[in-house]
Every structure is written in C-alpha cells, then in structure tokens.
N, C-alpha and C. Protein backbone atom coordinates (compact mmCIF):
# COMPACT_ATOMS: atom_id res chain seq x y z
N MET A 1 0.84 -1.19 0.00
CA MET A 1 0.00 0.00 0.00
C MET A 1 0.88 1.25 0.00
N ASN A 2 0.42 2.26 -0.68
CA ASN A 2 1.08 3.56 -0.69
C ASN A 2 0.64 4.37 0.52
N LYS A 3 1.43 5.37 0.88
CA LYS A 3 1.09 6.22 2.01
C LYS A 3 0.85 7.65 1.53
N LEU A 4 -0.24 8.25 1.99
CA LEU A 4 -0.58 9.64 1.69
C LEU A 4 -0.44 10.43 2.98
N TYR A 5 0.44 11.42 2.96
CA TYR A 5 0.65 12.27 4.14
C TYR A 5 -0.08 13.59 3.95
N ILE A 6 -0.80 14.00 4.98
CA ILE A 6 -1.46 15.30 5.01
C ILE A 6 -0.83 16.08 6.14
N SER A 7 -0.32 17.25 5.83
CA SER A 7 0.35 18.08 6.82
C SER A 7 -0.45 19.36 7.03
N LEU A 8 -0.75 19.67 8.29
CA LEU A 8 -1.51 20.87 8.63
C LEU A 8 -0.70 21.73 9.59
N VAL A 9 -0.77 23.03 9.40
CA VAL A 9 -0.20 23.96 10.38
C VAL A 9 -1.37 24.64 11.07
N SER A 10 -1.37 24.60 12.39
CA SER A 10 -2.44 25.22 13.16
C SER A 10 -1.90 26.43 13.91
N HIS A 11 -2.57 27.54 13.72
CA HIS A 11 -2.31 28.74 14.53
C HIS A 11 -3.64 29.13 15.15
N ASN A 12 -3.96 28.44 16.24
CA ASN A 12 -5.22 28.67 16.95
C ASN A 12 -6.42 28.25 16.10
N SER A 13 -6.27 27.20 15.31
CA SER A 13 -7.36 26.76 14.43
C SER A 13 -7.83 25.35 14.78
N GLU A 14 -7.74 25.00 16.05
CA GLU A 14 -8.10 23.63 16.41
C GLU A 14 -9.57 23.31 16.16
N ASP A 15 -10.47 24.27 16.30
CA ASP A 15 -11.89 23.98 16.05
C ASP A 15 -12.13 23.53 14.61
N GLU A 16 -11.46 24.18 13.65
CA GLU A 16 -11.59 23.78 12.25
C GLU A 16 -11.00 22.39 12.03
N ILE A 17 -9.89 22.10 12.70
CA ILE A 17 -9.28 20.77 12.57
C ILE A 17 -10.18 19.71 13.18
N PHE A 18 -10.75 19.98 14.35
CA PHE A 18 -11.66 19.01 14.99
C PHE A 18 -12.84 18.73 14.06
N LYS A 19 -13.40 19.78 13.48
CA LYS A 19 -14.58 19.64 12.64
C LYS A 19 -14.27 18.89 11.34
N ASN A 20 -13.15 19.18 10.72
CA ASN A 20 -12.87 18.64 9.39
C ASN A 20 -12.07 17.35 9.36
N PHE A 21 -11.40 17.01 10.46
CA PHE A 21 -10.54 15.83 10.44
C PHE A 21 -10.90 14.80 11.52
N ASN A 22 -12.05 14.97 12.14
CA ASN A 22 -12.47 14.04 13.19
C ASN A 22 -12.79 12.66 12.62
N ASN A 23 -13.29 12.61 11.41
CA ASN A 23 -13.68 11.33 10.79
C ASN A 23 -12.85 11.03 9.55
N LEU A 24 -11.60 11.43 9.54
CA LEU A 24 -10.73 11.18 8.41
C LEU A 24 -10.54 9.67 8.25
N PRO A 25 -10.80 9.14 7.06
CA PRO A 25 -10.59 7.69 6.88
C PRO A 25 -9.11 7.34 6.99
N ARG A 26 -8.82 6.16 7.47
CA ARG A 26 -7.43 5.70 7.63
C ARG A 26 -6.87 5.14 6.33
N THR A 27 -7.76 4.71 5.46
CA THR A 27 -7.34 4.20 4.15
C THR A 27 -8.30 4.71 3.09
N LEU A 28 -7.79 4.79 1.87
CA LEU A 28 -8.60 5.18 0.73
C LEU A 28 -8.01 4.50 -0.49
N ASN A 29 -8.78 3.61 -1.06
CA ASN A 29 -8.30 2.80 -2.18
C ASN A 29 -7.01 2.10 -1.78
N ASP A 30 -5.91 2.37 -2.46
CA ASP A 30 -4.64 1.71 -2.14
C ASP A 30 -3.73 2.58 -1.27
N TYR A 31 -4.30 3.53 -0.55
CA TYR A 31 -3.50 4.46 0.24
C TYR A 31 -3.80 4.36 1.74
N ILE A 32 -2.75 4.41 2.52
CA ILE A 32 -2.87 4.60 3.97
C ILE A 32 -2.73 6.11 4.19
N ILE A 33 -3.65 6.70 4.93
CA ILE A 33 -3.66 8.14 5.15
C ILE A 33 -3.06 8.45 6.51
N ALA A 34 -2.06 9.34 6.52
CA ALA A 34 -1.40 9.76 7.76
C ALA A 34 -1.49 11.28 7.88
N LEU A 35 -1.94 11.75 9.03
CA LEU A 35 -2.10 13.19 9.28
C LEU A 35 -1.02 13.66 10.24
N LYS A 36 -0.35 14.74 9.87
CA LYS A 36 0.64 15.37 10.74
C LYS A 36 0.16 16.79 11.03
N VAL A 37 0.08 17.15 12.31
CA VAL A 37 -0.35 18.48 12.71
C VAL A 37 0.83 19.20 13.35
N ILE A 38 1.16 20.36 12.81
CA ILE A 38 2.22 21.19 13.35
C ILE A 38 1.54 22.36 14.04
N ASP A 39 1.69 22.44 15.35
CA ASP A 39 0.99 23.42 16.17
C ASP A 39 1.90 24.62 16.43
N ASN A 40 1.43 25.78 16.07
CA ASN A 40 2.21 27.00 16.24
C ASN A 40 1.99 27.64 17.62
N ILE A 41 1.00 27.18 18.35
CA ILE A 41 0.64 27.78 19.64
C ILE A 41 0.95 26.87 20.82
N GLY A 42 0.74 25.58 20.66
CA GLY A 42 0.93 24.64 21.76
C GLY A 42 -0.37 24.35 22.49
N SER A 43 -1.40 24.02 21.74
CA SER A 43 -2.73 23.75 22.30
C SER A 43 -2.80 22.35 22.91
N GLU A 44 -3.14 22.28 24.18
CA GLU A 44 -3.30 20.97 24.85
C GLU A 44 -4.47 20.20 24.26
N LYS A 45 -5.55 20.92 23.88
CA LYS A 45 -6.70 20.25 23.27
C LYS A 45 -6.33 19.62 21.94
N LEU A 46 -5.53 20.32 21.15
CA LEU A 46 -5.12 19.79 19.86
C LEU A 46 -4.16 18.62 20.03
N GLU A 47 -3.27 18.72 20.98
CA GLU A 47 -2.35 17.61 21.26
C GLU A 47 -3.12 16.36 21.67
N LEU A 48 -4.11 16.51 22.54
CA LEU A 48 -4.93 15.38 22.98
C LEU A 48 -5.73 14.80 21.81
N PHE A 49 -6.31 15.65 20.98
CA PHE A 49 -7.05 15.21 19.80
C PHE A 49 -6.15 14.34 18.90
N CYS A 50 -4.93 14.79 18.69
CA CYS A 50 -3.99 14.03 17.86
C CYS A 50 -3.63 12.70 18.51
N LYS A 51 -3.43 12.73 19.80
CA LYS A 51 -3.07 11.49 20.50
C LYS A 51 -4.20 10.48 20.42
N ILE A 52 -5.43 10.92 20.65
CA ILE A 52 -6.59 10.04 20.61
C ILE A 52 -6.78 9.44 19.21
N ASN A 53 -6.53 10.25 18.18
CA ASN A 53 -6.75 9.81 16.80
C ASN A 53 -5.51 9.25 16.13
N ASN A 54 -4.44 9.11 16.90
CA ASN A 54 -3.18 8.56 16.39
C ASN A 54 -2.63 9.37 15.22
N TYR A 55 -2.72 10.70 15.34
CA TYR A 55 -2.13 11.61 14.38
C TYR A 55 -0.80 12.09 14.94
N SER A 56 0.12 12.40 14.07
CA SER A 56 1.40 12.95 14.49
C SER A 56 1.20 14.41 14.92
N TYR A 57 1.79 14.80 16.03
CA TYR A 57 1.65 16.15 16.58
C TYR A 57 3.04 16.72 16.84
N ILE A 58 3.29 17.93 16.35
CA ILE A 58 4.57 18.59 16.56
C ILE A 58 4.34 19.98 17.14
N TYR A 59 5.00 20.26 18.24
CA TYR A 59 5.07 21.61 18.81
C TYR A 59 6.41 21.73 19.49
N ASP A 60 7.21 22.69 19.07
CA ASP A 60 8.54 22.83 19.66
C ASP A 60 8.73 24.14 20.42
N GLY A 61 7.64 24.89 20.62
CA GLY A 61 7.71 26.10 21.42
C GLY A 61 8.07 27.35 20.64
N LEU A 62 8.35 27.22 19.35
CA LEU A 62 8.70 28.39 18.54
C LEU A 62 7.52 28.78 17.65
N ILE A 63 7.23 30.07 17.60
CA ILE A 63 6.15 30.56 16.74
C ILE A 63 6.78 30.97 15.41
N ARG A 64 6.30 30.33 14.35
CA ARG A 64 6.81 30.57 13.00
C ARG A 64 5.64 30.86 12.07
N GLY A 65 5.94 31.21 10.85
CA GLY A 65 4.92 31.34 9.82
C GLY A 65 4.55 29.97 9.28
N TYR A 66 3.52 29.94 8.43
CA TYR A 66 3.04 28.66 7.90
C TYR A 66 4.11 27.95 7.07
N GLY A 67 4.80 28.70 6.21
CA GLY A 67 5.83 28.09 5.37
C GLY A 67 6.95 27.48 6.19
N ALA A 68 7.44 28.22 7.17
CA ALA A 68 8.53 27.71 8.03
C ALA A 68 8.08 26.49 8.80
N ASN A 69 6.83 26.46 9.25
CA ASN A 69 6.33 25.29 9.97
C ASN A 69 6.23 24.09 9.04
N HIS A 70 5.79 24.28 7.81
CA HIS A 70 5.73 23.14 6.88
C HIS A 70 7.11 22.61 6.55
N ASN A 71 8.12 23.46 6.64
CA ASN A 71 9.48 23.00 6.40
C ASN A 71 9.97 22.06 7.49
N LEU A 72 9.25 21.96 8.60
CA LEU A 72 9.61 21.01 9.66
C LEU A 72 9.40 19.57 9.22
N ASN A 73 8.62 19.37 8.16
CA ASN A 73 8.38 18.01 7.66
C ASN A 73 9.68 17.49 7.18
C-alpha cells in the first residue's frame, strides 16, 4: 500500500481541525492516510485530539509562519 501524508499547520485553528478531520478515513483505495499536525501555539486540546486519533503532533515552542512550519516536515 502507498502512504498519503497530510500536513496541517495550526495557529489557533483547532476547532476547524476538529470539525474537518475528526472522521478522516485511515485508508482510501490503495493508500494509507497519515495526518501530521504542526501546532504553532501549543494547544493541549489539539495535542490530545492528535493522541486520541493517532495523528502525528509537533510543537517545539517556537512561533513561525506557515511556510517555516511546513518546512519542519
């Protein structure tokens, strides 16, 4: 199976992430779907959401722009 990675940068946008990615399928056709969330704020709610849903969560304490955060991949 192939792997499809989805990378999101959150800057206080956890409500939109909860709403849109709560029921993300784990597979689609021949793809395994993996979600990585890069948190620019350090939200405990977002970290817990990722842990419960087995999504990758990154927060290193530095506030960056969206492009710089995506470069963490």
